[in-house]
Amino acid sequence: MIRITSIKISSGYYIFQYAKETAAGGTEYYSLESKDKPRPELITAFLRLKELLLEKFNTLKFGAKYVTVFAVRIKYGDKNCDKYKMTEYKLSGRIDNKESNSCKIETQSIKIELKKEELANEILQELVNEGLLYIRGERAQVSLFEEKAEQISEVDAEDNKFNEGFIMAADTNSRQRIDNKHM
């Protein structure tokens, strides 16, 4: 099972850190950094982190248009909970003012309530699901790692213009080799 521990968007890069259990019961940690455009659903889920930040820190609502969230870290499991259940998160971002000055912000660890209907559960689960799809190769325009055999239709294979051009080029090339040998 894969557990996403961090997602960050920075300078056009999409950065994912995640943990994966091995067959022997250990845990391996991975990082994926890519400029491949994600599915629009991932961007939508990521943008909802701002909604989560503004819910937890409603004093920021007055300048919501100046607030940007660019990273989330997720912690799983604790003493009272399954190790695969999200229990805490941290958000990182910035606040810009009209003069283009910025202030970096980072929350402390925020506990996730166990209620299924809580906004944090909804937003983070949606983001984690989209992050898993990205890691598995589901991107904006294509699905990586999906094998599709390229098929040539009979019309393409029998395209006379292609065949004639190919035969003429091959014929010209072989004639040049013959002429060079006889010189």
N, C-alpha and C. Protein backbone atom coordinates (compact mmCIF):
# COMPACT_ATOMS: atom_id res chain seq x y z
N MET A 1 0.84 -1.18 0.00
CA MET A 1 0.00 0.00 0.00
C MET A 1 0.88 1.25 0.00
N ILE A 2 0.51 2.21 -0.81
CA ILE A 2 1.25 3.47 -0.91
C ILE A 2 0.56 4.53 -0.03
N ARG A 3 1.38 5.24 0.74
CA ARG A 3 0.89 6.36 1.54
C ARG A 3 1.62 7.62 1.10
N ILE A 4 0.88 8.57 0.58
CA ILE A 4 1.50 9.84 0.17
C ILE A 4 1.76 10.66 1.42
N THR A 5 3.01 11.09 1.58
CA THR A 5 3.38 11.84 2.77
C THR A 5 3.54 13.33 2.50
N SER A 6 3.68 13.70 1.22
CA SER A 6 3.85 15.11 0.90
C SER A 6 3.57 15.35 -0.58
N ILE A 7 2.91 16.48 -0.86
CA ILE A 7 2.71 16.93 -2.23
C ILE A 7 3.05 18.41 -2.26
N LYS A 8 3.84 18.78 -3.27
CA LYS A 8 4.26 20.18 -3.38
C LYS A 8 4.28 20.57 -4.85
N ILE A 9 3.85 21.79 -5.12
CA ILE A 9 3.97 22.35 -6.46
C ILE A 9 4.92 23.54 -6.34
N SER A 10 6.03 23.49 -7.11
CA SER A 10 7.04 24.53 -7.01
C SER A 10 7.72 24.72 -8.36
N SER A 11 7.70 25.93 -8.87
CA SER A 11 8.38 26.29 -10.12
C SER A 11 8.05 25.36 -11.27
N GLY A 12 6.79 24.98 -11.37
CA GLY A 12 6.36 24.11 -12.46
C GLY A 12 6.61 22.63 -12.22
N TYR A 13 7.19 22.27 -11.09
CA TYR A 13 7.42 20.87 -10.75
C TYR A 13 6.32 20.38 -9.82
N TYR A 14 5.97 19.13 -9.99
CA TYR A 14 5.01 18.45 -9.13
C TYR A 14 5.83 17.42 -8.35
N ILE A 15 5.89 17.60 -7.04
CA ILE A 15 6.78 16.80 -6.20
C ILE A 15 5.94 15.97 -5.23
N PHE A 16 6.14 14.66 -5.28
CA PHE A 16 5.40 13.74 -4.43
C PHE A 16 6.40 12.93 -3.62
N GLN A 17 6.15 12.84 -2.33
CA GLN A 17 6.92 11.94 -1.49
C GLN A 17 5.92 10.93 -0.95
N TYR A 18 6.35 9.66 -0.97
CA TYR A 18 5.42 8.63 -0.52
C TYR A 18 6.18 7.45 0.06
N ALA A 19 5.45 6.66 0.84
CA ALA A 19 6.01 5.48 1.49
C ALA A 19 5.27 4.25 0.97
N LYS A 20 6.03 3.19 0.82
CA LYS A 20 5.45 1.95 0.30
C LYS A 20 5.99 0.80 1.14
N GLU A 21 5.10 -0.08 1.56
CA GLU A 21 5.53 -1.23 2.35
C GLU A 21 6.12 -2.30 1.45
N THR A 22 7.16 -2.94 1.96
CA THR A 22 7.79 -4.03 1.22
C THR A 22 7.13 -5.35 1.59
N ALA A 23 7.41 -6.36 0.83
CA ALA A 23 6.86 -7.70 1.11
C ALA A 23 7.35 -8.22 2.47
N ALA A 24 8.54 -7.78 2.89
CA ALA A 24 9.12 -8.23 4.16
C ALA A 24 8.55 -7.46 5.35
N GLY A 25 7.67 -6.49 5.09
CA GLY A 25 7.05 -5.73 6.18
C GLY A 25 7.74 -4.42 6.50
N GLY A 26 8.82 -4.10 5.80
CA GLY A 26 9.50 -2.83 6.01
C GLY A 26 8.83 -1.72 5.20
N THR A 27 9.37 -0.54 5.30
CA THR A 27 8.83 0.60 4.56
C THR A 27 9.94 1.24 3.74
N GLU A 28 9.66 1.46 2.47
CA GLU A 28 10.59 2.17 1.60
C GLU A 28 9.99 3.53 1.28
N TYR A 29 10.86 4.55 1.19
CA TYR A 29 10.41 5.91 0.92
C TYR A 29 10.88 6.33 -0.46
N TYR A 30 9.99 7.00 -1.18
CA TYR A 30 10.26 7.41 -2.55
C TYR A 30 9.92 8.88 -2.73
N SER A 31 10.51 9.46 -3.77
CA SER A 31 10.20 10.82 -4.15
C SER A 31 10.07 10.88 -5.67
N LEU A 32 9.05 11.56 -6.15
CA LEU A 32 8.84 11.72 -7.58
C LEU A 32 8.74 13.21 -7.86
N GLU A 33 9.59 13.70 -8.75
CA GLU A 33 9.57 15.11 -9.15
C GLU A 33 9.43 15.14 -10.66
N SER A 34 8.39 15.81 -11.13
CA SER A 34 8.12 15.80 -12.56
C SER A 34 7.52 17.12 -13.01
N LYS A 35 7.75 17.45 -14.29
CA LYS A 35 7.10 18.61 -14.89
C LYS A 35 5.89 18.20 -15.72
N ASP A 36 5.61 16.89 -15.77
CA ASP A 36 4.44 16.41 -16.50
C ASP A 36 3.18 17.02 -15.90
N LYS A 37 2.35 17.59 -16.75
CA LYS A 37 1.11 18.21 -16.29
C LYS A 37 0.18 17.14 -15.70
N PRO A 38 -0.39 17.42 -14.53
CA PRO A 38 -1.30 16.45 -13.93
C PRO A 38 -2.70 16.56 -14.53
N ARG A 39 -3.52 15.62 -14.15
CA ARG A 39 -4.94 15.69 -14.53
C ARG A 39 -5.55 16.93 -13.88
N PRO A 40 -6.54 17.54 -14.50
CA PRO A 40 -7.18 18.72 -13.91
C PRO A 40 -7.76 18.44 -12.52
N GLU A 41 -8.16 17.20 -12.28
CA GLU A 41 -8.72 16.84 -10.97
C GLU A 41 -7.69 16.99 -9.86
N LEU A 42 -6.41 16.74 -10.16
CA LEU A 42 -5.37 16.92 -9.16
C LEU A 42 -5.21 18.40 -8.83
N ILE A 43 -5.21 19.24 -9.83
CA ILE A 43 -5.09 20.68 -9.60
C ILE A 43 -6.28 21.19 -8.78
N THR A 44 -7.47 20.75 -9.13
CA THR A 44 -8.68 21.15 -8.39
C THR A 44 -8.58 20.71 -6.93
N ALA A 45 -8.15 19.48 -6.70
CA ALA A 45 -8.01 18.97 -5.33
C ALA A 45 -6.94 19.76 -4.58
N PHE A 46 -5.85 20.09 -5.26
CA PHE A 46 -4.78 20.85 -4.61
C PHE A 46 -5.24 22.26 -4.25
N LEU A 47 -6.00 22.89 -5.14
CA LEU A 47 -6.49 24.24 -4.87
C LEU A 47 -7.45 24.27 -3.68
N ARG A 48 -8.08 23.14 -3.41
CA ARG A 48 -8.99 23.08 -2.26
C ARG A 48 -8.25 23.14 -0.93
N LEU A 49 -6.93 22.96 -0.94
CA LEU A 49 -6.15 23.10 0.30
C LEU A 49 -6.29 24.52 0.86
N LYS A 50 -6.42 25.48 -0.03
CA LYS A 50 -6.62 26.87 0.40
C LYS A 50 -7.92 26.98 1.19
N GLU A 51 -8.95 26.31 0.73
CA GLU A 51 -10.24 26.28 1.43
C GLU A 51 -10.05 25.72 2.84
N LEU A 52 -9.24 24.69 2.95
CA LEU A 52 -8.97 24.07 4.24
C LEU A 52 -8.20 25.02 5.15
N LEU A 53 -7.21 25.71 4.60
CA LEU A 53 -6.44 26.68 5.38
C LEU A 53 -7.34 27.80 5.89
N LEU A 54 -8.20 28.32 5.02
CA LEU A 54 -9.08 29.42 5.41
C LEU A 54 -10.12 28.97 6.43
N GLU A 55 -10.51 27.71 6.39
CA GLU A 55 -11.46 27.21 7.40
C GLU A 55 -10.78 27.15 8.77
N LYS A 56 -9.54 26.69 8.80
CA LYS A 56 -8.83 26.55 10.07
C LYS A 56 -8.32 27.89 10.61
N PHE A 57 -8.01 28.81 9.72
CA PHE A 57 -7.49 30.12 10.11
C PHE A 57 -8.34 31.20 9.45
N ASN A 58 -9.54 31.38 9.97
CA ASN A 58 -10.50 32.27 9.32
C ASN A 58 -10.07 33.74 9.35
N THR A 59 -9.05 34.09 10.11
CA THR A 59 -8.57 35.48 10.08
C THR A 59 -7.93 35.80 8.73
N LEU A 60 -7.55 34.77 7.97
CA LEU A 60 -6.95 34.99 6.64
C LEU A 60 -8.01 35.24 5.57
N LYS A 61 -9.27 35.03 5.90
CA LYS A 61 -10.33 35.18 4.89
C LYS A 61 -10.42 36.59 4.33
N PHE A 62 -10.03 37.59 5.13
CA PHE A 62 -10.12 38.98 4.65
C PHE A 62 -9.25 39.21 3.42
N GLY A 63 -8.16 38.47 3.31
CA GLY A 63 -7.27 38.63 2.16
C GLY A 63 -7.09 37.33 1.41
N ALA A 64 -8.17 36.57 1.31
CA ALA A 64 -8.11 35.22 0.71
C ALA A 64 -7.50 35.22 -0.68
N LYS A 65 -7.74 36.28 -1.45
CA LYS A 65 -7.20 36.28 -2.82
C LYS A 65 -5.68 36.40 -2.85
N TYR A 66 -5.07 36.78 -1.73
CA TYR A 66 -3.62 36.91 -1.65
C TYR A 66 -2.94 35.67 -1.04
N VAL A 67 -3.74 34.67 -0.67
CA VAL A 67 -3.22 33.47 -0.02
C VAL A 67 -3.02 32.36 -1.06
N THR A 68 -1.85 31.71 -1.00
CA THR A 68 -1.54 30.59 -1.88
C THR A 68 -1.01 29.44 -1.03
N VAL A 69 -1.50 28.25 -1.26
CA VAL A 69 -0.97 27.05 -0.60
C VAL A 69 -0.19 26.28 -1.66
N PHE A 70 1.07 25.94 -1.35
CA PHE A 70 1.87 25.23 -2.34
C PHE A 70 2.38 23.87 -1.87
N ALA A 71 2.08 23.48 -0.63
CA ALA A 71 2.54 22.17 -0.16
C ALA A 71 1.67 21.66 0.98
N VAL A 72 1.59 20.36 1.06
CA VAL A 72 0.90 19.70 2.18
C VAL A 72 1.75 18.50 2.60
N ARG A 73 1.85 18.30 3.89
CA ARG A 73 2.49 17.10 4.44
C ARG A 73 1.44 16.35 5.25
N ILE A 74 1.45 15.05 5.12
CA ILE A 74 0.42 14.23 5.76
C ILE A 74 1.08 13.19 6.64
N LYS A 75 0.54 13.04 7.84
CA LYS A 75 1.03 12.03 8.77
C LYS A 75 -0.07 10.97 8.91
N TYR A 76 0.37 9.72 9.02
CA TYR A 76 -0.55 8.60 9.13
C TYR A 76 -0.38 7.91 10.47
N GLY A 77 -1.50 7.42 11.00
CA GLY A 77 -1.50 6.56 12.19
C GLY A 77 -0.99 7.24 13.44
N ASP A 78 -1.47 6.74 14.56
CA ASP A 78 -0.97 7.11 15.88
C ASP A 78 -1.37 5.99 16.85
N LYS A 79 -1.26 6.24 18.12
CA LYS A 79 -1.53 5.20 19.13
C LYS A 79 -2.94 4.65 19.03
N ASN A 80 -3.89 5.50 18.72
CA ASN A 80 -5.30 5.10 18.73
C ASN A 80 -5.86 4.82 17.34
N CYS A 81 -5.00 4.75 16.35
CA CYS A 81 -5.50 4.71 14.98
C CYS A 81 -4.68 3.78 14.10
N ASP A 82 -5.30 3.28 13.05
CA ASP A 82 -4.65 2.43 12.05
C ASP A 82 -3.51 3.19 11.39
N LYS A 83 -2.42 2.49 11.08
CA LYS A 83 -1.25 3.16 10.49
C LYS A 83 -1.48 3.67 9.08
N TYR A 84 -2.59 3.28 8.45
CA TYR A 84 -2.91 3.76 7.10
C TYR A 84 -3.90 4.92 7.11
N LYS A 85 -4.35 5.32 8.26
CA LYS A 85 -5.34 6.39 8.37
C LYS A 85 -4.63 7.72 8.55
N MET A 86 -5.04 8.73 7.77
CA MET A 86 -4.47 10.07 7.91
C MET A 86 -4.88 10.63 9.26
N THR A 87 -3.90 11.14 10.02
CA THR A 87 -4.21 11.66 11.35
C THR A 87 -3.85 13.14 11.51
N GLU A 88 -2.87 13.63 10.76
CA GLU A 88 -2.44 15.03 10.88
C GLU A 88 -1.97 15.54 9.52
N TYR A 89 -1.98 16.85 9.38
CA TYR A 89 -1.45 17.47 8.16
C TYR A 89 -0.86 18.82 8.50
N LYS A 90 0.04 19.27 7.63
CA LYS A 90 0.63 20.61 7.70
C LYS A 90 0.50 21.23 6.33
N LEU A 91 0.19 22.51 6.30
CA LEU A 91 0.10 23.24 5.04
C LEU A 91 1.20 24.29 4.98
N SER A 92 1.78 24.47 3.81
CA SER A 92 2.78 25.52 3.59
C SER A 92 2.29 26.39 2.44
N GLY A 93 2.56 27.68 2.55
CA GLY A 93 2.13 28.58 1.50
C GLY A 93 2.72 29.96 1.70
N ARG A 94 2.03 30.93 1.13
CA ARG A 94 2.49 32.30 1.27
C ARG A 94 1.30 33.25 1.15
N ILE A 95 1.53 34.44 1.66
CA ILE A 95 0.55 35.52 1.52
C ILE A 95 1.28 36.66 0.82
N ASP A 96 0.70 37.14 -0.27
CA ASP A 96 1.28 38.27 -1.01
C ASP A 96 0.45 39.51 -0.72
N ASN A 97 1.10 40.66 -0.74
CA ASN A 97 0.34 41.90 -0.60
C ASN A 97 0.32 42.64 -1.93
N LYS A 98 -0.32 43.78 -1.95
CA LYS A 98 -0.48 44.55 -3.20
C LYS A 98 0.85 45.05 -3.75
N GLU A 99 1.85 45.20 -2.89
CA GLU A 99 3.16 45.67 -3.31
C GLU A 99 4.07 44.52 -3.74
N SER A 100 3.53 43.34 -3.87
CA SER A 100 4.26 42.14 -4.28
C SER A 100 5.27 41.65 -3.25
N ASN A 101 5.08 42.03 -2.01
CA ASN A 101 5.87 41.45 -0.92
C ASN A 101 5.16 40.18 -0.49
N SER A 102 5.93 39.22 -0.01
CA SER A 102 5.28 37.99 0.42
C SER A 102 5.77 37.55 1.78
N CYS A 103 4.94 36.76 2.41
CA CYS A 103 5.22 36.22 3.73
C CYS A 103 4.95 34.72 3.66
N LYS A 104 5.95 33.90 3.98
CA LYS A 104 5.76 32.46 3.97
C LYS A 104 4.99 32.06 5.22
N ILE A 105 4.11 31.11 5.04
CA ILE A 105 3.35 30.60 6.18
C ILE A 105 3.44 29.08 6.20
N GLU A 106 3.42 28.53 7.40
CA GLU A 106 3.37 27.09 7.58
C GLU A 106 2.61 26.82 8.86
N THR A 107 1.63 25.95 8.76
CA THR A 107 0.86 25.61 9.95
C THR A 107 1.64 24.61 10.78
N GLN A 108 1.26 24.51 12.03
CA GLN A 108 1.74 23.40 12.84
C GLN A 108 0.92 22.19 12.43
N SER A 109 1.23 21.04 12.97
CA SER A 109 0.43 19.85 12.66
C SER A 109 -1.00 20.06 13.14
N ILE A 110 -1.91 19.81 12.23
CA ILE A 110 -3.34 19.95 12.55
C ILE A 110 -3.94 18.55 12.57
N LYS A 111 -4.55 18.21 13.68
CA LYS A 111 -5.17 16.88 13.80
C LYS A 111 -6.40 16.79 12.92
N ILE A 112 -6.56 15.63 12.33
CA ILE A 112 -7.73 15.38 11.49
C ILE A 112 -8.77 14.69 12.37
N GLU A 113 -9.93 15.27 12.41
CA GLU A 113 -11.02 14.67 13.19
C GLU A 113 -11.41 13.34 12.58
N LEU A 114 -11.90 12.45 13.39
CA LEU A 114 -12.25 11.12 12.90
C LEU A 114 -13.59 11.09 12.18
N LYS A 115 -14.34 12.19 12.27
CA LYS A 115 -15.63 12.23 11.58
C LYS A 115 -15.42 12.17 10.07
N LYS A 116 -16.16 11.31 9.42
CA LYS A 116 -16.03 11.17 7.97
C LYS A 116 -16.42 12.44 7.23
N GLU A 117 -17.36 13.20 7.79
CA GLU A 117 -17.86 14.37 7.07
C GLU A 117 -16.96 15.60 7.20
N GLU A 118 -15.90 15.51 7.98
CA GLU A 118 -15.05 16.68 8.15
C GLU A 118 -14.40 17.09 6.83
N LEU A 119 -14.32 18.37 6.62
CA LEU A 119 -13.77 18.93 5.38
C LEU A 119 -12.35 18.43 5.10
N ALA A 120 -11.52 18.35 6.12
CA ALA A 120 -10.14 17.89 5.93
C ALA A 120 -10.10 16.48 5.37
N ASN A 121 -10.94 15.60 5.89
CA ASN A 121 -10.98 14.22 5.36
C ASN A 121 -11.33 14.22 3.89
N GLU A 122 -12.33 14.99 3.54
CA GLU A 122 -12.79 15.05 2.14
C GLU A 122 -11.70 15.58 1.22
N ILE A 123 -11.14 16.72 1.56
CA ILE A 123 -10.15 17.38 0.71
C ILE A 123 -8.87 16.55 0.61
N LEU A 124 -8.35 16.10 1.75
CA LEU A 124 -7.09 15.35 1.73
C LEU A 124 -7.25 14.00 1.05
N GLN A 125 -8.37 13.32 1.25
CA GLN A 125 -8.57 12.03 0.60
C GLN A 125 -8.65 12.18 -0.91
N GLU A 126 -9.34 13.22 -1.35
CA GLU A 126 -9.44 13.50 -2.79
C GLU A 126 -8.04 13.80 -3.37
N LEU A 127 -7.26 14.57 -2.65
CA LEU A 127 -5.90 14.92 -3.11
C LEU A 127 -5.00 13.68 -3.13
N VAL A 128 -5.08 12.86 -2.10
CA VAL A 128 -4.27 11.64 -2.05
C VAL A 128 -4.65 10.70 -3.19
N ASN A 129 -5.94 10.55 -3.45
CA ASN A 129 -6.38 9.68 -4.56
C ASN A 129 -5.82 10.17 -5.89
N GLU A 130 -5.88 11.47 -6.14
CA GLU A 130 -5.34 12.03 -7.39
C GLU A 130 -3.82 11.91 -7.43
N GLY A 131 -3.17 12.08 -6.29
CA GLY A 131 -1.72 11.92 -6.21
C GLY A 131 -1.30 10.50 -6.55
N LEU A 132 -2.04 9.52 -6.07
CA LEU A 132 -1.75 8.12 -6.39
C LEU A 132 -1.88 7.87 -7.89
N LEU A 133 -2.89 8.45 -8.51
CA LEU A 133 -3.05 8.31 -9.96
C LEU A 133 -1.86 8.91 -10.69
N TYR A 134 -1.39 10.07 -10.23
CA TYR A 134 -0.23 10.71 -10.85
C TYR A 134 1.00 9.82 -10.74
N ILE A 135 1.24 9.28 -9.55
CA ILE A 135 2.39 8.41 -9.31
C ILE A 135 2.32 7.18 -10.21
N ARG A 136 1.12 6.68 -10.43
CA ARG A 136 0.94 5.49 -11.26
C ARG A 136 0.94 5.81 -12.76
N GLY A 137 1.10 7.10 -13.11
CA GLY A 137 1.26 7.46 -14.51
C GLY A 137 0.07 8.12 -15.17
N GLU A 138 -1.00 8.39 -14.44
CA GLU A 138 -2.15 9.07 -15.03
C GLU A 138 -1.84 10.57 -15.05
N ARG A 139 -1.64 11.10 -16.24
CA ARG A 139 -1.28 12.51 -16.38
C ARG A 139 -2.33 13.23 -17.21
N ALA A 140 -2.10 14.49 -17.49
CA ALA A 140 -3.09 15.34 -18.15
C ALA A 140 -3.55 14.78 -19.50
N GLN A 141 -2.64 14.48 -20.38
CA GLN A 141 -3.03 14.10 -21.72
C GLN A 141 -2.91 12.61 -21.99
N VAL A 142 -2.10 11.93 -21.19
CA VAL A 142 -1.84 10.51 -21.45
C VAL A 142 -1.78 9.72 -20.16
N SER A 143 -1.80 8.45 -20.34
CA SER A 143 -1.59 7.54 -19.24
C SER A 143 -0.26 6.84 -19.50
N LEU A 144 0.74 7.16 -18.70
CA LEU A 144 2.04 6.52 -18.84
C LEU A 144 1.92 5.06 -18.41
N PHE A 145 2.82 4.26 -18.80
CA PHE A 145 2.91 2.86 -18.40
C PHE A 145 1.77 2.01 -18.94
N GLU A 146 0.91 2.57 -19.76
CA GLU A 146 -0.17 1.79 -20.33
C GLU A 146 0.29 1.34 -21.70
N GLU A 147 0.31 0.06 -21.88
CA GLU A 147 0.83 -0.47 -23.14
C GLU A 147 -0.28 -0.56 -24.17
N LYS A 148 -0.09 0.15 -25.26
CA LYS A 148 -1.02 0.08 -26.38
C LYS A 148 -0.18 -0.28 -27.60
N ALA A 149 -0.50 -1.39 -28.19
CA ALA A 149 0.23 -1.79 -29.38
C ALA A 149 -0.16 -0.88 -30.52
N GLU A 150 0.85 -0.33 -31.19
CA GLU A 150 0.57 0.53 -32.33
C GLU A 150 0.18 -0.37 -33.49
N GLN A 151 -0.98 -0.09 -34.02
CA GLN A 151 -1.47 -0.91 -35.11
C GLN A 151 -1.39 -0.13 -36.41
N ILE A 152 -0.96 -0.82 -37.44
CA ILE A 152 -0.93 -0.22 -38.77
C ILE A 152 -2.10 -0.80 -39.53
N SER A 153 -2.95 0.07 -40.01
CA SER A 153 -4.11 -0.43 -40.75
C SER A 153 -3.65 -0.93 -42.11
N GLU A 154 -4.47 -1.75 -42.70
CA GLU A 154 -4.12 -2.29 -44.02
C GLU A 154 -3.98 -1.17 -45.05
N VAL A 155 -4.80 -0.13 -44.91
CA VAL A 155 -4.72 0.99 -45.85
C VAL A 155 -3.36 1.65 -45.74
N ASP A 156 -2.86 1.86 -44.50
CA ASP A 156 -1.54 2.46 -44.32
C ASP A 156 -0.45 1.58 -44.88
N ALA A 157 -0.55 0.29 -44.61
CA ALA A 157 0.49 -0.64 -45.06
C ALA A 157 0.52 -0.74 -46.58
N GLU A 158 -0.61 -0.51 -47.20
CA GLU A 158 -0.67 -0.64 -48.65
C GLU A 158 -0.69 0.71 -49.36
N ASP A 159 -0.40 1.76 -48.63
CA ASP A 159 -0.40 3.10 -49.22
C ASP A 159 0.63 3.16 -50.34
N ASN A 160 0.15 3.31 -51.57
CA ASN A 160 1.03 3.27 -52.73
C ASN A 160 2.07 4.38 -52.73
N LYS A 161 1.68 5.58 -52.29
CA LYS A 161 2.64 6.68 -52.28
C LYS A 161 3.81 6.35 -51.36
N PHE A 162 3.49 5.78 -50.19
CA PHE A 162 4.56 5.40 -49.27
C PHE A 162 5.44 4.34 -49.90
N ASN A 163 4.84 3.30 -50.40
CA ASN A 163 5.62 2.20 -50.99
C ASN A 163 6.44 2.66 -52.18
N GLU A 164 5.85 3.46 -53.07
CA GLU A 164 6.58 3.94 -54.24
C GLU A 164 7.77 4.79 -53.83
N GLY A 165 7.56 5.69 -52.88
CA GLY A 165 8.64 6.55 -52.43
C GLY A 165 9.75 5.75 -51.78
N PHE A 166 9.37 4.78 -50.97
CA PHE A 166 10.34 3.93 -50.29
C PHE A 166 11.14 3.11 -51.30
N ILE A 167 10.47 2.53 -52.27
CA ILE A 167 11.14 1.71 -53.29
C ILE A 167 12.06 2.57 -54.13
N MET A 168 11.61 3.78 -54.51
CA MET A 168 12.45 4.66 -55.32
C MET A 168 13.70 5.06 -54.55
N ALA A 169 13.57 5.39 -53.28
CA ALA A 169 14.73 5.79 -52.48
C ALA A 169 15.69 4.63 -52.32
N ALA A 170 15.15 3.45 -52.05
CA ALA A 170 16.01 2.27 -51.89
C ALA A 170 16.69 1.94 -53.20
N ASP A 171 15.97 2.06 -54.30
CA ASP A 171 16.53 1.77 -55.62
C ASP A 171 17.64 2.76 -55.96
N THR A 172 17.42 4.05 -55.70
CA THR A 172 18.43 5.08 -55.98
C THR A 172 19.66 4.83 -55.14
N ASN A 173 19.48 4.48 -53.89
CA ASN A 173 20.59 4.24 -52.98
C ASN A 173 21.42 3.05 -53.45
N SER A 174 20.76 1.97 -53.88
CA SER A 174 21.51 0.79 -54.34
C SER A 174 22.21 1.09 -55.66
N ARG A 175 21.61 1.90 -56.55
CA ARG A 175 22.27 2.26 -57.81
C ARG A 175 23.54 3.06 -57.55
N GLN A 176 23.48 3.98 -56.55
CA GLN A 176 24.66 4.78 -56.22
C GLN A 176 25.79 3.89 -55.72
N ARG A 177 25.46 2.88 -54.92
CA ARG A 177 26.49 1.97 -54.41
C ARG A 177 27.11 1.18 -55.56
N ILE A 178 26.30 0.74 -56.52
CA ILE A 178 26.80 -0.01 -57.68
C ILE A 178 27.71 0.88 -58.52
N ASP A 179 27.27 2.15 -58.77
CA ASP A 179 28.08 3.07 -59.55
C ASP A 179 29.41 3.36 -58.87
N ASN A 180 29.43 3.49 -57.54
CA ASN A 180 30.66 3.76 -56.82
C ASN A 180 31.63 2.59 -56.89
N LYS A 181 31.11 1.37 -56.91
CA LYS A 181 31.96 0.19 -56.98
C LYS A 181 32.64 0.09 -58.35
N HIS A 182 31.92 0.46 -59.41
CA HIS A 182 32.46 0.34 -60.76
C HIS A 182 33.45 1.47 -61.11
N MET A 183 33.54 2.49 -60.30
CA MET A 183 34.46 3.59 -60.62
C MET A 183 35.82 3.32 -60.18
